[in-house]
């Protein structure tokens, strides 16, 4: 039987260093906070555009949330946004007027 030498090269072995998260995208937590603020503005001050932004932010948060995120927080943000939109349009069902027009 021929003897085989060890093919590994100890001088080429590098210890694994986990990379730091350098995610250049916008953090999802800011979208969550913006959605909560806009939904509350839409609900309390009856601003239709704020309610729509709240719905948009809640959908962005829902699409970009990690599986480890709290599901109750995600659901509460979405339900707050939808309820603010429903309440705004129940109070005033007229279409939203342009602010600059």
Protein backbone atom coordinates (compact mmCIF):
# COMPACT_ATOMS: atom_id res chain seq x y z
CA UNK A 1 0.00 0.00 0.00
CA UNK A 2 1.41 3.37 -0.93
CA UNK A 3 1.52 5.92 1.84
CA UNK A 4 -0.29 9.17 1.08
CA UNK A 5 0.80 12.47 2.51
CA UNK A 6 -1.65 14.87 4.08
CA UNK A 7 -2.97 17.16 1.26
CA UNK A 8 -4.02 19.95 3.65
CA UNK A 9 -1.86 23.04 3.81
CA UNK A 10 -1.73 24.52 7.31
CA UNK A 11 -0.28 27.80 6.03
CA UNK A 12 -3.39 28.33 3.85
CA UNK A 13 -5.93 27.82 6.65
CA UNK A 14 -7.81 30.97 7.64
CA UNK A 15 -10.13 31.22 10.60
CA UNK A 16 -13.71 32.17 9.70
CA UNK A 17 -14.57 35.77 10.57
CA UNK A 18 -18.29 36.54 10.30
CA UNK A 19 -18.86 39.66 8.27
CA UNK A 20 -20.40 42.66 9.91
CA UNK A 21 -23.83 43.53 8.63
CA UNK A 22 -23.33 46.27 6.10
CA UNK A 23 -26.88 46.36 4.87
CA UNK A 24 -27.16 49.59 2.92
CA UNK A 25 -30.93 49.44 2.78
CA UNK A 26 -33.15 51.54 5.02
CA UNK A 27 -33.71 49.88 8.41
CA UNK A 28 -37.13 48.31 8.74
CA UNK A 29 -37.61 49.65 12.27
CA UNK A 30 -37.79 53.21 10.92
CA UNK A 31 -40.54 52.16 8.53
CA UNK A 32 -42.39 50.62 11.47
CA UNK A 33 -42.15 53.85 13.49
CA UNK A 34 -43.17 56.00 10.51
CA UNK A 35 -46.16 53.76 9.84
CA UNK A 36 -47.25 53.97 13.46
CA UNK A 37 -46.96 57.77 13.53
CA UNK A 38 -48.76 58.23 10.21
CA UNK A 39 -51.53 55.85 11.20
CA UNK A 40 -52.07 57.71 14.45
CA UNK A 41 -52.09 61.04 12.61
CA UNK A 42 -54.66 59.69 10.20
CA UNK A 43 -56.78 58.31 13.02
CA UNK A 44 -56.63 61.30 15.37
CA UNK A 45 -56.40 64.27 13.01
CA UNK A 46 -58.37 62.69 10.14
CA UNK A 47 -55.64 63.16 7.52
CA UNK A 48 -56.31 60.86 4.60
CA UNK A 49 -52.81 61.11 3.16
CA UNK A 50 -51.31 60.16 6.54
CA UNK A 51 -53.60 57.13 6.75
CA UNK A 52 -52.52 56.03 3.26
CA UNK A 53 -48.85 56.47 4.15
CA UNK A 54 -49.49 54.39 7.28
CA UNK A 55 -50.95 51.58 5.19
CA UNK A 56 -48.05 51.80 2.75
CA UNK A 57 -45.48 51.68 5.57
CA UNK A 58 -47.24 48.77 7.24
CA UNK A 59 -47.13 46.80 3.98
CA UNK A 60 -43.43 47.59 3.56
CA UNK A 61 -42.78 46.48 7.13
CA UNK A 62 -44.80 43.32 6.58
CA UNK A 63 -42.87 42.48 3.41
CA UNK A 64 -39.42 43.21 4.85
CA UNK A 65 -39.80 41.91 8.40
CA UNK A 66 -37.66 39.01 9.50
CA UNK A 67 -39.18 35.77 10.65
CA UNK A 68 -37.81 36.43 14.15
CA UNK A 69 -39.73 39.72 14.47
CA UNK A 70 -42.66 39.92 16.83
CA UNK A 71 -45.79 38.88 14.95
CA UNK A 72 -48.07 40.77 17.34
CA UNK A 73 -46.28 44.02 16.58
CA UNK A 74 -46.54 43.42 12.85
CA UNK A 75 -50.23 42.58 13.08
CA UNK A 76 -50.99 45.54 15.35
CA UNK A 77 -49.28 47.98 12.97
CA UNK A 78 -51.23 46.61 10.01
CA UNK A 79 -54.53 46.66 11.88
CA UNK A 80 -53.91 50.21 13.15
CA UNK A 81 -53.16 51.39 9.62
CA UNK A 82 -56.24 49.73 8.18
CA UNK A 83 -58.51 50.97 10.95
CA UNK A 84 -57.24 54.53 10.58
CA UNK A 85 -57.93 54.37 6.84
CA UNK A 86 -61.43 52.98 7.40
CA UNK A 87 -62.24 55.54 10.10
CA UNK A 88 -61.02 58.47 7.98
CA UNK A 89 -63.16 57.43 5.02
CA UNK A 90 -66.17 56.69 7.23
CA UNK A 91 -66.06 60.26 8.57
CA UNK A 92 -65.56 61.88 5.18
CA UNK A 93 -66.15 59.61 2.16
CA UNK A 94 -65.28 62.32 -0.36
CA UNK A 95 -62.19 61.71 -2.46
CA UNK A 96 -58.93 63.11 -1.18
CA UNK A 97 -58.27 66.61 -2.50
CA UNK A 98 -54.85 67.65 -3.73
CA UNK A 99 -53.07 69.85 -1.22
CA UNK A 100 -51.24 71.92 -3.85
CA UNK A 101 -54.01 72.15 -6.43
